[in-house]
């Protein structure tokens, strides 16, 4: 049986020089978080393991925390310089900083007319 994959909550904001992604990830170490990036998509993956894995569902009065694998993919804006990405993990908060670039990634293609 496939286990559900949770979606990581994030805040994304920008300054004049960078894009910043903040994600609270309680209950795990930075060693258990994987970040991958292409020029267009940033993906954060990991798995939160419960400290109480043997508690039967019927014994929970409230169960709001997600335990298990999670993944979040974010489409990066065109001005994000994915080659210069930095990440830090402090007080169970993951912070990813991506500098902005002024380099134009869109290429305009001229159409030649055959005569």
N, C-alpha and C. Protein backbone atom coordinates (compact mmCIF):
# COMPACT_ATOMS: atom_id res chain seq x y z
N UNK A 1 0.84 -1.17 0.00
CA UNK A 1 0.00 0.00 0.00
C UNK A 1 0.89 1.24 0.00
N UNK A 2 0.62 2.20 -0.90
CA UNK A 2 1.37 3.45 -0.96
C UNK A 2 1.00 4.34 0.21
N UNK A 3 2.02 4.94 0.80
CA UNK A 3 1.80 5.87 1.90
C UNK A 3 1.50 7.26 1.33
N UNK A 4 0.61 7.99 1.98
CA UNK A 4 0.29 9.34 1.54
C UNK A 4 1.54 10.21 1.63
N UNK A 5 1.65 11.15 0.70
CA UNK A 5 2.74 12.10 0.74
C UNK A 5 2.16 13.45 1.13
N UNK A 6 2.68 14.02 2.20
CA UNK A 6 2.22 15.32 2.68
C UNK A 6 2.83 16.45 1.88
N UNK A 7 2.18 17.60 1.95
CA UNK A 7 2.68 18.78 1.28
C UNK A 7 3.24 19.73 2.32
N UNK A 8 4.45 20.15 2.14
CA UNK A 8 5.13 21.04 3.06
C UNK A 8 4.58 22.46 2.90
N UNK A 9 4.27 23.12 4.02
CA UNK A 9 3.82 24.51 3.98
C UNK A 9 5.03 25.43 3.85
N UNK A 10 4.90 26.44 3.00
CA UNK A 10 6.01 27.37 2.78
C UNK A 10 5.50 28.81 2.72
N UNK A 11 6.38 29.73 3.04
CA UNK A 11 6.20 31.14 2.76
C UNK A 11 7.24 31.48 1.70
N UNK A 12 6.84 32.24 0.69
CA UNK A 12 7.76 32.65 -0.36
C UNK A 12 7.63 34.16 -0.51
N UNK A 13 8.77 34.85 -0.42
CA UNK A 13 8.74 36.29 -0.61
C UNK A 13 10.02 36.72 -1.30
N UNK A 14 10.07 37.97 -1.71
CA UNK A 14 11.24 38.46 -2.42
C UNK A 14 11.72 39.79 -1.85
N UNK A 15 13.00 40.02 -2.03
CA UNK A 15 13.59 41.32 -1.76
C UNK A 15 14.04 41.85 -3.12
N UNK A 16 14.74 42.95 -3.13
CA UNK A 16 15.23 43.49 -4.40
C UNK A 16 16.24 42.55 -5.06
N UNK A 17 16.95 41.76 -4.23
CA UNK A 17 18.05 40.97 -4.76
C UNK A 17 17.86 39.45 -4.70
N UNK A 18 16.85 38.97 -3.96
CA UNK A 18 16.72 37.51 -3.85
C UNK A 18 15.29 37.06 -3.59
N UNK A 19 15.07 35.79 -3.89
CA UNK A 19 13.82 35.10 -3.60
C UNK A 19 14.09 34.27 -2.35
N UNK A 20 13.16 34.31 -1.38
CA UNK A 20 13.37 33.60 -0.12
C UNK A 20 12.20 32.66 0.13
N UNK A 21 12.52 31.40 0.42
CA UNK A 21 11.53 30.38 0.72
C UNK A 21 11.76 29.93 2.16
N UNK A 22 10.71 29.99 2.98
CA UNK A 22 10.81 29.61 4.39
C UNK A 22 9.81 28.48 4.65
N UNK A 23 10.30 27.41 5.29
CA UNK A 23 9.44 26.26 5.59
C UNK A 23 9.72 25.74 6.98
N UNK A 24 8.75 25.81 7.89
CA UNK A 24 8.94 25.20 9.20
C UNK A 24 8.86 23.68 9.07
N UNK A 25 9.87 23.00 9.56
CA UNK A 25 9.90 21.53 9.46
C UNK A 25 10.24 20.98 10.83
N UNK A 26 9.24 20.85 11.67
CA UNK A 26 9.46 20.36 13.03
C UNK A 26 9.65 18.85 13.03
N UNK A 27 10.38 18.39 14.01
CA UNK A 27 10.49 16.96 14.25
C UNK A 27 11.50 16.25 13.39
N UNK A 28 12.46 16.97 12.81
CA UNK A 28 13.46 16.28 12.01
C UNK A 28 14.74 17.09 11.92
N UNK A 29 15.77 16.44 11.45
CA UNK A 29 17.08 17.05 11.28
C UNK A 29 17.26 17.48 9.83
N UNK A 30 18.14 18.42 9.62
CA UNK A 30 18.42 18.87 8.25
C UNK A 30 18.99 17.74 7.39
N UNK A 31 19.59 16.73 8.03
CA UNK A 31 20.13 15.58 7.30
C UNK A 31 19.03 14.78 6.59
N UNK A 32 17.79 14.94 7.05
CA UNK A 32 16.67 14.19 6.49
C UNK A 32 15.86 15.00 5.49
N UNK A 33 16.40 16.14 5.06
CA UNK A 33 15.73 16.98 4.08
C UNK A 33 16.60 17.03 2.82
N UNK A 34 15.98 16.80 1.68
CA UNK A 34 16.68 16.87 0.40
C UNK A 34 16.11 18.03 -0.40
N UNK A 35 17.00 18.84 -0.97
CA UNK A 35 16.60 19.95 -1.82
C UNK A 35 17.26 19.73 -3.17
N UNK A 36 16.45 19.76 -4.23
CA UNK A 36 17.00 19.69 -5.58
C UNK A 36 16.43 20.85 -6.38
N UNK A 37 17.18 21.28 -7.36
CA UNK A 37 16.74 22.43 -8.14
C UNK A 37 17.19 22.30 -9.59
N UNK A 38 16.30 22.67 -10.48
CA UNK A 38 16.65 22.84 -11.88
C UNK A 38 16.53 24.33 -12.13
N UNK A 39 16.66 24.75 -13.34
CA UNK A 39 16.51 26.18 -13.61
C UNK A 39 15.07 26.63 -13.42
N UNK A 40 14.15 25.69 -13.36
CA UNK A 40 12.73 26.07 -13.30
C UNK A 40 12.01 25.59 -12.04
N UNK A 41 12.44 24.50 -11.44
CA UNK A 41 11.69 23.92 -10.33
C UNK A 41 12.61 23.57 -9.16
N UNK A 42 12.18 24.01 -7.97
CA UNK A 42 12.87 23.66 -6.73
C UNK A 42 12.00 22.63 -6.01
N UNK A 43 12.60 21.54 -5.56
CA UNK A 43 11.85 20.49 -4.87
C UNK A 43 12.48 20.24 -3.50
N UNK A 44 11.61 20.22 -2.49
CA UNK A 44 12.03 19.91 -1.12
C UNK A 44 11.35 18.60 -0.74
N UNK A 45 12.15 17.61 -0.28
CA UNK A 45 11.61 16.31 0.11
C UNK A 45 12.17 15.90 1.46
N UNK A 46 11.40 15.09 2.16
CA UNK A 46 11.87 14.54 3.43
C UNK A 46 10.84 13.61 4.01
N UNK A 47 11.11 13.18 5.23
CA UNK A 47 10.15 12.32 5.92
C UNK A 47 10.23 12.59 7.42
N UNK A 48 9.07 12.90 8.00
CA UNK A 48 8.97 13.10 9.45
C UNK A 48 8.56 11.80 10.09
N UNK A 49 9.33 11.38 11.08
CA UNK A 49 9.00 10.13 11.77
C UNK A 49 8.47 10.47 13.15
N UNK A 50 7.37 9.86 13.49
CA UNK A 50 6.73 10.10 14.78
C UNK A 50 7.56 9.48 15.90
N UNK A 51 7.57 10.14 17.04
CA UNK A 51 8.21 9.58 18.23
C UNK A 51 7.32 8.54 18.91
N UNK A 52 6.08 8.42 18.41
CA UNK A 52 5.10 7.49 18.98
C UNK A 52 4.45 6.68 17.85
N UNK A 53 5.24 5.88 17.14
CA UNK A 53 4.71 5.18 15.96
C UNK A 53 3.74 4.04 16.28
N UNK A 54 3.72 3.59 17.52
CA UNK A 54 2.88 2.42 17.85
C UNK A 54 1.54 2.78 18.50
N UNK A 55 1.17 4.05 18.48
CA UNK A 55 -0.11 4.46 19.06
C UNK A 55 -1.21 4.15 18.05
N UNK A 56 -2.19 3.35 18.42
CA UNK A 56 -3.29 3.04 17.48
C UNK A 56 -4.12 4.28 17.16
N UNK A 57 -4.64 4.35 15.95
CA UNK A 57 -5.47 5.49 15.51
C UNK A 57 -6.61 5.75 16.48
N UNK A 58 -7.22 4.70 17.01
CA UNK A 58 -8.38 4.84 17.90
C UNK A 58 -8.04 5.55 19.21
N UNK A 59 -6.75 5.59 19.56
CA UNK A 59 -6.34 6.21 20.81
C UNK A 59 -6.04 7.71 20.69
N UNK A 60 -6.06 8.22 19.46
CA UNK A 60 -5.83 9.65 19.26
C UNK A 60 -7.11 10.42 19.55
N UNK A 61 -7.01 11.48 20.33
CA UNK A 61 -8.13 12.39 20.54
C UNK A 61 -8.12 13.48 19.47
N UNK A 62 -6.92 13.92 19.13
CA UNK A 62 -6.71 14.88 18.05
C UNK A 62 -5.46 14.46 17.31
N UNK A 63 -5.50 14.50 15.98
CA UNK A 63 -4.33 14.15 15.19
C UNK A 63 -4.23 15.14 14.04
N UNK A 64 -3.47 16.22 14.24
CA UNK A 64 -3.32 17.27 13.26
C UNK A 64 -1.95 17.27 12.59
N UNK A 65 -0.98 16.67 13.23
CA UNK A 65 0.38 16.66 12.69
C UNK A 65 0.51 15.61 11.61
N UNK A 66 1.24 15.95 10.54
CA UNK A 66 1.48 14.97 9.48
C UNK A 66 2.82 14.29 9.73
N UNK A 67 2.78 12.98 9.80
CA UNK A 67 3.99 12.17 9.95
C UNK A 67 4.12 11.30 8.72
N UNK A 68 5.29 11.26 8.16
CA UNK A 68 5.52 10.47 6.96
C UNK A 68 6.25 11.30 5.92
N UNK A 69 6.33 10.79 4.71
CA UNK A 69 7.06 11.51 3.66
C UNK A 69 6.31 12.76 3.22
N UNK A 70 7.08 13.79 2.85
CA UNK A 70 6.49 15.00 2.31
C UNK A 70 7.32 15.47 1.13
N UNK A 71 6.69 16.27 0.30
CA UNK A 71 7.37 16.82 -0.86
C UNK A 71 6.68 18.11 -1.26
N UNK A 72 7.46 19.07 -1.71
CA UNK A 72 6.90 20.32 -2.22
C UNK A 72 7.76 20.78 -3.38
N UNK A 73 7.13 21.04 -4.52
CA UNK A 73 7.82 21.57 -5.69
C UNK A 73 7.33 22.98 -5.95
N UNK A 74 8.26 23.86 -6.26
CA UNK A 74 7.95 25.27 -6.47
C UNK A 74 8.51 25.68 -7.82
N UNK A 75 7.66 26.25 -8.66
CA UNK A 75 8.12 26.77 -9.94
C UNK A 75 8.81 28.11 -9.67
N UNK A 76 10.05 28.20 -10.08
CA UNK A 76 10.83 29.41 -9.83
C UNK A 76 10.55 30.47 -10.89
N UNK A 77 10.58 31.73 -10.49
CA UNK A 77 10.40 32.79 -11.48
C UNK A 77 11.59 32.84 -12.44
N UNK A 78 11.41 33.46 -13.58
CA UNK A 78 12.46 33.50 -14.60
C UNK A 78 13.73 34.19 -14.13
N UNK A 79 13.60 35.10 -13.18
CA UNK A 79 14.79 35.83 -12.74
C UNK A 79 15.51 35.17 -11.56
N UNK A 80 15.16 33.93 -11.23
CA UNK A 80 15.83 33.21 -10.13
C UNK A 80 17.12 32.57 -10.65
N UNK A 81 18.22 32.80 -9.96
CA UNK A 81 19.51 32.24 -10.33
C UNK A 81 19.71 30.94 -9.56
N UNK A 82 19.20 29.85 -10.08
CA UNK A 82 19.22 28.56 -9.39
C UNK A 82 20.64 28.03 -9.17
N UNK A 83 21.61 28.55 -9.89
CA UNK A 83 23.00 28.09 -9.74
C UNK A 83 23.64 28.61 -8.46
N UNK A 84 23.05 29.62 -7.86
CA UNK A 84 23.64 30.25 -6.67
C UNK A 84 22.77 30.07 -5.42
N UNK A 85 22.01 29.01 -5.35
CA UNK A 85 21.08 28.77 -4.24
C UNK A 85 21.83 28.46 -2.94
N UNK A 86 21.28 28.94 -1.82
CA UNK A 86 21.82 28.64 -0.49
C UNK A 86 20.68 28.23 0.42
N UNK A 87 20.95 27.30 1.34
CA UNK A 87 19.92 26.85 2.28
C UNK A 87 20.51 26.77 3.68
N UNK A 88 19.67 27.11 4.67
CA UNK A 88 20.07 26.97 6.07
C UNK A 88 18.90 26.36 6.84
N UNK A 89 19.22 25.75 8.00
CA UNK A 89 18.23 25.10 8.83
C UNK A 89 18.51 25.49 10.27
N UNK A 90 17.64 26.31 10.84
CA UNK A 90 17.85 26.80 12.20
C UNK A 90 16.53 26.81 12.94
N UNK A 91 16.52 26.29 14.18
CA UNK A 91 15.30 26.24 15.00
C UNK A 91 14.14 25.57 14.26
N UNK A 92 14.44 24.50 13.55
CA UNK A 92 13.45 23.73 12.79
C UNK A 92 12.78 24.52 11.67
N UNK A 93 13.48 25.53 11.16
CA UNK A 93 12.96 26.29 10.02
C UNK A 93 13.99 26.24 8.90
N UNK A 94 13.55 25.75 7.74
CA UNK A 94 14.38 25.71 6.55
C UNK A 94 14.24 27.04 5.83
N UNK A 95 15.36 27.66 5.48
CA UNK A 95 15.33 28.90 4.73
C UNK A 95 16.20 28.74 3.49
N UNK A 96 15.61 28.98 2.34
CA UNK A 96 16.31 28.85 1.07
C UNK A 96 16.36 30.24 0.44
N UNK A 97 17.56 30.65 0.04
CA UNK A 97 17.73 31.95 -0.61
C UNK A 97 18.26 31.73 -2.02
N UNK A 98 17.57 32.35 -2.97
CA UNK A 98 17.95 32.25 -4.37
C UNK A 98 18.15 33.67 -4.90
N UNK A 99 19.37 34.01 -5.29
CA UNK A 99 19.59 35.35 -5.82
C UNK A 99 18.81 35.57 -7.12
N UNK A 100 18.44 36.81 -7.33
CA UNK A 100 17.80 37.18 -8.60
C UNK A 100 18.89 37.53 -9.59
N UNK A 101 18.60 37.31 -10.84
CA UNK A 101 19.53 37.65 -11.90
C UNK A 101 18.86 38.65 -12.83
N UNK A 102 19.67 39.43 -13.46
CA UNK A 102 19.13 40.36 -14.46
C UNK A 102 19.25 39.77 -15.85
N UNK A 103 19.86 38.60 -15.92
CA UNK A 103 20.05 37.91 -17.19
C UNK A 103 18.69 37.51 -17.76
N UNK A 104 18.47 37.81 -18.99
CA UNK A 104 17.21 37.49 -19.65
C UNK A 104 17.25 36.03 -20.11
N UNK A 105 16.29 35.23 -19.68
CA UNK A 105 16.25 33.82 -20.06
C UNK A 105 15.33 33.56 -21.24
N UNK A 106 14.58 34.58 -21.63
CA UNK A 106 13.67 34.40 -22.76
C UNK A 106 14.38 34.83 -24.03
N UNK A 107 14.35 33.96 -25.01
CA UNK A 107 14.97 34.27 -26.29
C UNK A 107 13.87 34.56 -27.30
N UNK A 108 14.01 35.67 -27.96
CA UNK A 108 13.05 36.03 -29.00
C UNK A 108 13.54 35.45 -30.31
N UNK A 109 12.69 34.72 -31.00
CA UNK A 109 13.04 34.09 -32.24
C UNK A 109 12.38 34.85 -33.38
N UNK A 110 13.21 35.32 -34.30
CA UNK A 110 12.67 36.03 -35.46
C UNK A 110 12.26 35.02 -36.51
N UNK A 111 11.15 35.29 -37.14
CA UNK A 111 10.65 34.40 -38.20
C UNK A 111 11.10 34.98 -39.54
N UNK A 112 11.80 34.15 -40.28
CA UNK A 112 12.24 34.56 -41.61
C UNK A 112 11.17 34.16 -42.62
N UNK A 113 10.87 35.04 -43.50
CA UNK A 113 9.84 34.78 -44.52
C UNK A 113 10.54 34.33 -45.79
N UNK A 114 10.15 33.16 -46.29
CA UNK A 114 10.68 32.67 -47.56
C UNK A 114 10.00 33.43 -48.69
N UNK A 115 10.79 33.89 -49.63
CA UNK A 115 10.20 34.58 -50.78
C UNK A 115 10.52 33.89 -52.06
